């Protein structure tokens, strides 16, 4: 099983990227894990430029998504919405369809991200991705120092919860998809957030 992780932040010290790196350490033993770090290289989406052969950065991104069995996304919230770089990346695969029926889990490094969570849910459902509700998790890292983030992500209870969510995601990937009756993914937050000390 191959898992691909996308961070919605381009910042070097992004808490969402830190959360994804921790997820990579705790992925199931039978899963490979890749943190995709090249979404900034994608050109601004323009349907007129969505031609064959595709731009090299677009082709790499599409190939990475295509080869993944599941995708983890962790994103900050900017202006009550999805950060531009991540939205641009998603725009490049609307028509090409790499996320159609692809299992996707949403992780968050701040409990204040309800707008980006709702926006990503709407976007991904429109793209026919398969959101895995029970693999949604919030770990409160926002506002903490680098050392505090490292300490929290190293805590046994944090790692146990994150490992459990990742196993749930892996199990959902392996299971056949359930029939979609149009509403089962409208409330994606089922796993409770990990509470700060």
C-alpha atoms as a PDB file:
ATOM      1  CA  UNK A   1       0.000   0.000   0.000  1.00  0.00           C
ATOM      2  CA  UNK A   2       1.307   3.433  -0.954  1.00  0.00           C
ATOM      3  CA  UNK A   3       0.224   6.592   0.894  1.00  0.00           C
ATOM      4  CA  UNK A   4       0.799  10.099  -0.459  1.00  0.00           C
ATOM      5  CA  UNK A   5       0.716  13.141   1.824  1.00  0.00           C
ATOM      6  CA  UNK A   6      -0.021  16.717   0.745  1.00  0.00           C
ATOM      7  CA  UNK A   7       0.544  19.748   2.948  1.00  0.00           C
ATOM      8  CA  UNK A   8      -1.425  22.894   2.202  1.00  0.00           C
ATOM      9  CA  UNK A   9       1.368  25.030   3.621  1.00  0.00           C
ATOM     10  CA  UNK A  10       4.612  25.946   1.883  1.00  0.00           C
ATOM     11  CA  UNK A  11       6.256  27.172   5.107  1.00  0.00           C
ATOM     12  CA  UNK A  12       9.401  25.322   6.150  1.00  0.00           C
ATOM     13  CA  UNK A  13       8.210  25.152   9.778  1.00  0.00           C
ATOM     14  CA  UNK A  14       4.571  24.378   8.958  1.00  0.00           C
ATOM     15  CA  UNK A  15       2.710  22.586  11.739  1.00  0.00           C
ATOM     16  CA  UNK A  16       0.639  20.723   9.147  1.00  0.00           C
ATOM     17  CA  UNK A  17       3.787  19.460   7.439  1.00  0.00           C
ATOM     18  CA  UNK A  18       5.171  18.428  10.834  1.00  0.00           C
ATOM     19  CA  UNK A  19       1.976  16.474  11.472  1.00  0.00           C
ATOM     20  CA  UNK A  20       2.303  14.694   8.127  1.00  0.00           C
ATOM     21  CA  UNK A  21       5.941  13.828   8.814  1.00  0.00           C
ATOM     22  CA  UNK A  22       4.866  12.290  12.122  1.00  0.00           C
ATOM     23  CA  UNK A  23       2.189  10.357  10.241  1.00  0.00           C
ATOM     24  CA  UNK A  24       4.848   9.020   7.911  1.00  0.00           C
ATOM     25  CA  UNK A  25       6.768   7.622  10.886  1.00  0.00           C
ATOM     26  CA  UNK A  26       3.656   5.884  12.200  1.00  0.00           C
ATOM     27  CA  UNK A  27       2.171   4.515   8.979  1.00  0.00           C
ATOM     28  CA  UNK A  28       1.348   0.793   9.008  1.00  0.00           C
ATOM     29  CA  UNK A  29       4.341  -1.458   8.487  1.00  0.00           C
ATOM     30  CA  UNK A  30       3.044  -2.700   5.147  1.00  0.00           C
ATOM     31  CA  UNK A  31       2.563   0.851   3.785  1.00  0.00           C
ATOM     32  CA  UNK A  32       5.044   3.064   1.990  1.00  0.00           C
ATOM     33  CA  UNK A  33       4.697   6.807   2.593  1.00  0.00           C
ATOM     34  CA  UNK A  34       5.661   9.843   0.541  1.00  0.00           C
ATOM     35  CA  UNK A  35       5.325  13.501   1.506  1.00  0.00           C
ATOM     36  CA  UNK A  36       4.842  15.406  -1.757  1.00  0.00           C
ATOM     37  CA  UNK A  37       6.803  18.671  -1.484  1.00  0.00           C
ATOM     38  CA  UNK A  38       6.578  20.081  -4.999  1.00  0.00           C
ATOM     39  CA  UNK A  39       3.155  21.726  -5.285  1.00  0.00           C
ATOM     40  CA  UNK A  40       4.813  25.163  -5.402  1.00  0.00           C
ATOM     41  CA  UNK A  41       6.315  24.167  -8.756  1.00  0.00           C
ATOM     42  CA  UNK A  42       2.881  23.828 -10.365  1.00  0.00           C
ATOM     43  CA  UNK A  43       1.980  26.700 -12.694  1.00  0.00           C
ATOM     44  CA  UNK A  44      -1.168  28.703 -12.069  1.00  0.00           C
ATOM     45  CA  UNK A  45      -4.041  26.614 -13.386  1.00  0.00           C
ATOM     46  CA  UNK A  46      -5.346  27.636 -16.775  1.00  0.00           C
ATOM     47  CA  UNK A  47      -7.515  25.240 -18.812  1.00  0.00           C
ATOM     48  CA  UNK A  48      -5.895  26.581 -21.982  1.00  0.00           C
ATOM     49  CA  UNK A  49      -2.581  25.146 -20.760  1.00  0.00           C
ATOM     50  CA  UNK A  50      -4.016  21.779 -19.741  1.00  0.00           C
ATOM     51  CA  UNK A  51      -2.691  20.082 -22.858  1.00  0.00           C
ATOM     52  CA  UNK A  52      -0.648  17.035 -23.816  1.00  0.00           C
ATOM     53  CA  UNK A  53       2.129  16.630 -23.103  1.00  0.00           C
ATOM     54  CA  UNK A  54       1.404  18.134 -19.694  1.00  0.00           C
ATOM     55  CA  UNK A  55       3.707  20.633 -18.015  1.00  0.00           C
ATOM     56  CA  UNK A  56       6.477  18.625 -16.283  1.00  0.00           C
ATOM     57  CA  UNK A  57       5.402  19.644 -12.755  1.00  0.00           C
ATOM     58  CA  UNK A  58       1.777  18.807 -13.545  1.00  0.00           C
ATOM     59  CA  UNK A  59       2.748  15.413 -14.961  1.00  0.00           C
ATOM     60  CA  UNK A  60       4.789  14.622 -11.828  1.00  0.00           C
ATOM     61  CA  UNK A  61       1.928  15.607  -9.538  1.00  0.00           C
ATOM     62  CA  UNK A  62      -0.638  13.599 -11.459  1.00  0.00           C
ATOM     63  CA  UNK A  63       1.644  10.565 -11.528  1.00  0.00           C
ATOM     64  CA  UNK A  64       2.206  10.786  -7.763  1.00  0.00           C
ATOM     65  CA  UNK A  65      -1.543  10.866  -7.135  1.00  0.00           C
ATOM     66  CA  UNK A  66      -2.217   8.090  -9.624  1.00  0.00           C
ATOM     67  CA  UNK A  67       0.287   5.757  -7.969  1.00  0.00           C
ATOM     68  CA  UNK A  68      -1.092   6.375  -4.462  1.00  0.00           C
ATOM     69  CA  UNK A  69      -3.600   4.032  -2.867  1.00  0.00           C
ATOM     70  CA  UNK A  70      -4.655   6.792  -0.481  1.00  0.00           C
ATOM     71  CA  UNK A  71      -3.971  10.492   0.067  1.00  0.00           C
ATOM     72  CA  UNK A  72      -3.513  12.334   3.356  1.00  0.00           C
ATOM     73  CA  UNK A  73      -4.079  16.093   3.302  1.00  0.00           C
ATOM     74  CA  UNK A  74      -3.180  18.496   6.124  1.00  0.00           C
ATOM     75  CA  UNK A  75      -3.824  22.161   5.487  1.00  0.00           C
ATOM     76  CA  UNK A  76      -3.953  25.466   7.313  1.00  0.00           C
ATOM     77  CA  UNK A  77      -6.859  27.825   6.839  1.00  0.00           C
ATOM     78  CA  UNK A  78      -6.226  31.099   4.995  1.00  0.00           C
ATOM     79  CA  UNK A  79      -8.978  33.730   4.887  1.00  0.00           C
ATOM     80  CA  UNK A  80     -11.566  31.100   5.826  1.00  0.00           C
ATOM     81  CA  UNK A  81     -10.581  28.919   2.901  1.00  0.00           C
ATOM     82  CA  UNK A  82      -8.064  26.640   1.204  1.00  0.00           C
ATOM     83  CA  UNK A  83      -4.552  28.069   0.698  1.00  0.00           C
ATOM     84  CA  UNK A  84      -3.862  29.058  -2.899  1.00  0.00           C
ATOM     85  CA  UNK A  85      -1.082  26.561  -3.594  1.00  0.00           C
ATOM     86  CA  UNK A  86      -3.193  23.593  -2.502  1.00  0.00           C
ATOM     87  CA  UNK A  87      -6.303  24.804  -4.326  1.00  0.00           C
ATOM     88  CA  UNK A  88      -4.204  25.311  -7.458  1.00  0.00           C
ATOM     89  CA  UNK A  89      -2.840  21.768  -7.152  1.00  0.00           C
ATOM     90  CA  UNK A  90      -6.339  20.344  -6.820  1.00  0.00           C
ATOM     91  CA  UNK A  91      -7.533  22.388  -9.804  1.00  0.00           C
ATOM     92  CA  UNK A  92      -4.923  20.649 -11.965  1.00  0.00           C
ATOM     93  CA  UNK A  93      -6.522  17.234 -11.334  1.00  0.00           C
ATOM     94  CA  UNK A  94     -10.224  18.096 -11.585  1.00  0.00           C
ATOM     95  CA  UNK A  95     -10.445  17.138 -15.256  1.00  0.00           C
ATOM     96  CA  UNK A  96      -7.727  14.481 -15.322  1.00  0.00           C
ATOM     97  CA  UNK A  97      -9.437  12.536 -12.521  1.00  0.00           C
ATOM     98  CA  UNK A  98      -6.589  11.195 -10.377  1.00  0.00           C
ATOM     99  CA  UNK A  99      -8.678  11.675  -7.231  1.00  0.00           C
ATOM    100  CA  UNK A 100     -11.824   9.958  -8.522  1.00  0.00           C
ATOM    101  CA  UNK A 101     -12.684   7.186  -6.017  1.00  0.00           C
ATOM    102  CA  UNK A 102      -9.332   7.790  -4.288  1.00  0.00           C
ATOM    103  CA  UNK A 103      -9.486   7.391  -0.488  1.00  0.00           C
ATOM    104  CA  UNK A 104      -8.593  10.679   1.214  1.00  0.00           C
ATOM    105  CA  UNK A 105      -8.068  11.491   4.905  1.00  0.00           C
ATOM    106  CA  UNK A 106      -7.972  15.012   6.353  1.00  0.00           C
ATOM    107  CA  UNK A 107      -5.584  15.845   9.193  1.00  0.00           C
ATOM    108  CA  UNK A 108      -5.438  19.226  10.926  1.00  0.00           C
ATOM    109  CA  UNK A 109      -2.924  20.940  13.184  1.00  0.00           C
ATOM    110  CA  UNK A 110      -5.463  23.418  14.575  1.00  0.00           C
ATOM    111  CA  UNK A 111      -9.016  22.988  15.890  1.00  0.00           C
ATOM    112  CA  UNK A 112      -9.818  26.381  14.362  1.00  0.00           C
ATOM    113  CA  UNK A 113      -9.778  25.029  10.807  1.00  0.00           C
ATOM    114  CA  UNK A 114     -13.495  24.409  10.383  1.00  0.00           C
ATOM    115  CA  UNK A 115     -13.744  26.576   7.259  1.00  0.00           C
ATOM    116  CA  UNK A 116     -10.864  24.901   5.417  1.00  0.00           C
ATOM    117  CA  UNK A 117     -12.218  21.518   6.508  1.00  0.00           C
ATOM    118  CA  UNK A 118     -15.621  22.322   5.047  1.00  0.00           C
ATOM    119  CA  UNK A 119     -14.108  23.806   1.883  1.00  0.00           C
ATOM    120  CA  UNK A 120     -11.826  20.820   1.292  1.00  0.00           C
ATOM    121  CA  UNK A 121     -14.710  18.438   1.900  1.00  0.00           C
ATOM    122  CA  UNK A 122     -16.831  20.205  -0.719  1.00  0.00           C
ATOM    123  CA  UNK A 123     -13.981  20.343  -3.237  1.00  0.00           C
ATOM    124  CA  UNK A 124     -12.978  16.714  -2.777  1.00  0.00           C
ATOM    125  CA  UNK A 125     -16.528  15.409  -2.936  1.00  0.00           C
ATOM    126  CA  UNK A 126     -17.088  17.409  -6.121  1.00  0.00           C
ATOM    127  CA  UNK A 127     -13.986  15.690  -7.507  1.00  0.00           C
ATOM    128  CA  UNK A 128     -15.484  12.303  -6.487  1.00  0.00           C
ATOM    129  CA  UNK A 129     -12.750  11.492  -3.976  1.00  0.00           C
ATOM    130  CA  UNK A 130     -13.682   8.987  -1.262  1.00  0.00           C
ATOM    131  CA  UNK A 131     -13.385  10.829   2.044  1.00  0.00           C
ATOM    132  CA  UNK A 132     -12.711   8.536   4.993  1.00  0.00           C
ATOM    133  CA  UNK A 133     -14.562  10.187   7.865  1.00  0.00           C
ATOM    134  CA  UNK A 134     -13.106   8.038  10.621  1.00  0.00           C
ATOM    135  CA  UNK A 135      -9.554   8.908   9.544  1.00  0.00           C
ATOM    136  CA  UNK A 136     -10.046  12.625  10.230  1.00  0.00           C
ATOM    137  CA  UNK A 137      -7.931  13.895  13.124  1.00  0.00           C
ATOM    138  CA  UNK A 138      -6.965  17.200  14.722  1.00  0.00           C
ATOM    139  CA  UNK A 139      -3.737  17.556  16.716  1.00  0.00           C
ATOM    140  CA  UNK A 140      -3.435  21.072  18.269  1.00  0.00           C
ATOM    141  CA  UNK A 141       0.013  22.246  17.180  1.00  0.00           C
ATOM    142  CA  UNK A 142      -0.757  25.823  16.144  1.00  0.00           C
ATOM    143  CA  UNK A 143       0.955  28.451  18.277  1.00  0.00           C
ATOM    144  CA  UNK A 144       3.467  26.050  19.778  1.00  0.00           C
ATOM    145  CA  UNK A 145       7.226  26.368  19.499  1.00  0.00           C
ATOM    146  CA  UNK A 146       9.214  23.880  17.433  1.00  0.00           C
ATOM    147  CA  UNK A 147      10.339  22.116  20.614  1.00  0.00           C
ATOM    148  CA  UNK A 148       6.774  21.953  21.932  1.00  0.00           C
ATOM    149  CA  UNK A 149       5.551  20.512  18.637  1.00  0.00           C
ATOM    150  CA  UNK A 150       8.289  17.877  18.700  1.00  0.00           C
ATOM    151  CA  UNK A 151       7.411  17.001  22.300  1.00  0.00           C
ATOM    152  CA  UNK A 152       3.673  16.725  21.627  1.00  0.00           C
ATOM    153  CA  UNK A 153       4.157  14.581  18.523  1.00  0.00           C
ATOM    154  CA  UNK A 154       6.470  12.305  20.517  1.00  0.00           C
ATOM    155  CA  UNK A 155       3.977  11.761  23.366  1.00  0.00           C
ATOM    156  CA  UNK A 156       2.815   8.131  23.559  1.00  0.00           C
ATOM    157  CA  UNK A 157      -0.893   9.038  23.564  1.00  0.00           C
ATOM    158  CA  UNK A 158      -0.486  11.297  20.528  1.00  0.00           C
ATOM    159  CA  UNK A 159       1.409   8.624  18.638  1.00  0.00           C
ATOM    160  CA  UNK A 160      -1.091   5.944  19.628  1.00  0.00           C
ATOM    161  CA  UNK A 161      -4.010   8.031  18.374  1.00  0.00           C
ATOM    162  CA  UNK A 162      -2.254   8.971  15.143  1.00  0.00           C
ATOM    163  CA  UNK A 163      -1.204   5.376  14.532  1.00  0.00           C
ATOM    164  CA  UNK A 164      -4.792   4.242  15.127  1.00  0.00           C
ATOM    165  CA  UNK A 165      -6.157   6.783  12.652  1.00  0.00           C
ATOM    166  CA  UNK A 166      -3.617   5.723  10.038  1.00  0.00           C
ATOM    167  CA  UNK A 167      -4.519   2.062  10.537  1.00  0.00           C
ATOM    168  CA  UNK A 168      -8.189   2.995  10.174  1.00  0.00           C
ATOM    169  CA  UNK A 169      -7.312   4.756   6.921  1.00  0.00           C
ATOM    170  CA  UNK A 170      -5.356   1.746   5.679  1.00  0.00           C
ATOM    171  CA  UNK A 171      -8.243  -0.571   6.559  1.00  0.00           C
ATOM    172  CA  UNK A 172     -10.672   1.677   4.686  1.00  0.00           C
ATOM    173  CA  UNK A 173      -8.413   1.656   1.638  1.00  0.00           C
ATOM    174  CA  UNK A 174      -8.358  -2.133   1.656  1.00  0.00           C
ATOM    175  CA  UNK A 175     -12.120  -2.440   2.148  1.00  0.00           C
ATOM    176  CA  UNK A 176     -14.518  -2.142  -0.779  1.00  0.00           C
ATOM    177  CA  UNK A 177     -16.142   1.304  -0.966  1.00  0.00           C
ATOM    178  CA  UNK A 178     -19.597   1.691   0.533  1.00  0.00           C
ATOM    179  CA  UNK A 179     -22.506   2.853  -1.638  1.00  0.00           C
ATOM    180  CA  UNK A 180     -22.689   6.656  -1.678  1.00  0.00           C
ATOM    181  CA  UNK A 181     -26.176   7.942  -1.041  1.00  0.00           C
ATOM    182  CA  UNK A 182     -25.097  11.585  -1.226  1.00  0.00           C
ATOM    183  CA  UNK A 183     -24.877  12.591   2.426  1.00  0.00           C
ATOM    184  CA  UNK A 184     -22.683  10.211   4.391  1.00  0.00           C
ATOM    185  CA  UNK A 185     -19.569  12.387   4.028  1.00  0.00           C
ATOM    186  CA  UNK A 186     -21.088  15.777   4.799  1.00  0.00           C
ATOM    187  CA  UNK A 187     -19.825  15.785   8.402  1.00  0.00           C
ATOM    188  CA  UNK A 188     -16.215  14.605   8.145  1.00  0.00           C
ATOM    189  CA  UNK A 189     -15.123  15.240  11.742  1.00  0.00           C
ATOM    190  CA  UNK A 190     -15.701  12.103  13.790  1.00  0.00           C
ATOM    191  CA  UNK A 191     -12.347  11.462  15.482  1.00  0.00           C
ATOM    192  CA  UNK A 192     -12.076  13.783  18.511  1.00  0.00           C
ATOM    193  CA  UNK A 193      -9.161  16.204  18.598  1.00  0.00           C
ATOM    194  CA  UNK A 194      -6.179  15.407  20.781  1.00  0.00           C
ATOM    195  CA  UNK A 195      -6.392  17.847  23.668  1.00  0.00           C
ATOM    196  CA  UNK A 196      -3.340  19.944  24.541  1.00  0.00           C
ATOM    197  CA  UNK A 197      -1.753  19.656  27.955  1.00  0.00           C
END
